[in-house]
Amino acid sequence: MEEFLNFVLRRLAGHPDEVFLSHAAVDGKDVFTVQARQTDLPRIIGKRGQTIHAIRSLLDAAAAKHGGKVRLVVPD
């Protein structure tokens, strides 16, 4: 899942070399936190959050297939 996230987020960002993803396991969930330039965040989030919602839906489906739970955090 981490490779998938890196791939997608770097393709969306205007500065792909400045997109970082951290991973932690919290309460049985995989939590991924995205760090990117402030100017890239609107592209990652999308209009009315549609892009990030779609990415989260794909992550949820992949996690469910493997019997896990996942959370994607994009700090303000």
Protein backbone atom coordinates (compact mmCIF):
# COMPACT_ATOMS: atom_id res chain seq x y z
CA MET A 1 0.00 0.00 0.00
CA GLU A 2 2.84 2.37 0.76
CA GLU A 3 4.25 1.96 -2.75
CA PHE A 4 0.82 2.65 -4.25
CA LEU A 5 0.42 5.80 -2.16
CA ASN A 6 3.87 7.08 -3.06
CA PHE A 7 3.18 6.46 -6.73
CA VAL A 8 -0.18 8.25 -6.77
CA LEU A 9 0.79 11.18 -4.55
CA ARG A 10 4.01 11.88 -6.43
CA ARG A 11 2.13 11.90 -9.75
CA LEU A 12 -0.34 14.45 -8.40
CA ALA A 13 2.25 16.78 -6.88
CA GLY A 14 3.99 19.54 -8.79
CA HIS A 15 7.15 18.81 -6.77
CA PRO A 16 7.22 15.00 -6.51
CA ASP A 17 10.63 14.91 -4.87
CA GLU A 18 9.17 16.84 -1.91
CA VAL A 19 6.33 14.42 -1.15
CA PHE A 20 7.00 12.30 1.92
CA LEU A 21 4.92 9.54 3.42
CA SER A 22 5.31 8.31 6.97
CA HIS A 23 3.78 5.10 8.30
CA ALA A 24 2.81 4.04 11.81
CA ALA A 25 0.68 1.27 13.27
CA VAL A 26 -1.84 2.67 15.74
CA ASP A 27 -4.50 0.55 17.47
CA GLY A 28 -4.33 -2.13 14.80
CA LYS A 29 -4.59 0.40 11.95
CA ASP A 30 -1.96 1.40 9.43
CA VAL A 31 -1.77 5.19 9.54
CA PHE A 32 -0.10 7.00 6.65
CA THR A 33 0.69 10.71 6.95
CA VAL A 34 1.42 12.80 3.86
CA GLN A 35 3.87 15.69 3.90
CA ALA A 36 4.12 17.90 0.83
CA ARG A 37 4.57 21.52 -0.15
CA GLN A 38 1.62 23.75 0.70
CA THR A 39 1.27 24.52 -3.01
CA ASP A 40 0.85 20.80 -3.79
CA LEU A 41 -1.78 20.05 -1.16
CA PRO A 42 -4.73 21.43 -3.19
CA ARG A 43 -3.84 19.08 -6.05
CA ILE A 44 -3.57 16.13 -3.67
CA ILE A 45 -6.83 16.96 -1.91
CA GLY A 46 -8.75 17.95 -5.04
CA LYS A 47 -11.86 20.01 -5.51
CA ARG A 48 -14.19 19.49 -2.54
CA GLY A 49 -11.85 16.69 -1.40
CA GLN A 50 -12.78 14.39 -4.28
CA THR A 51 -9.23 13.28 -5.07
CA ILE A 52 -8.24 12.41 -1.51
CA HIS A 53 -11.60 10.71 -0.99
CA ALA A 54 -10.98 8.50 -4.03
CA ILE A 55 -7.49 7.61 -2.81
CA ARG A 56 -8.85 6.76 0.64
CA SER A 57 -11.56 4.56 -0.92
CA LEU A 58 -8.93 2.61 -2.84
CA LEU A 59 -6.83 2.22 0.30
CA ASP A 60 -9.83 1.02 2.30
CA ALA A 61 -10.65 -1.57 -0.35
CA ALA A 62 -7.07 -2.83 -0.47
CA ALA A 63 -6.86 -2.99 3.32
CA ALA A 64 -10.16 -4.85 3.59
CA LYS A 65 -8.94 -7.39 1.05
CA HIS A 66 -5.95 -8.08 3.29
CA GLY A 67 -7.98 -8.02 6.49
CA GLY A 68 -6.67 -4.73 7.82
CA LYS A 69 -7.65 -1.12 8.35
CA VAL A 70 -5.93 1.97 7.08
CA ARG A 71 -6.08 5.73 7.61
CA LEU A 72 -4.62 8.46 5.42
CA VAL A 73 -3.84 11.80 7.09
CA VAL A 74 -3.14 15.01 5.18
CA PRO A 75 -2.20 17.73 7.70
CA ASP A 76 -3.44 21.29 7.11
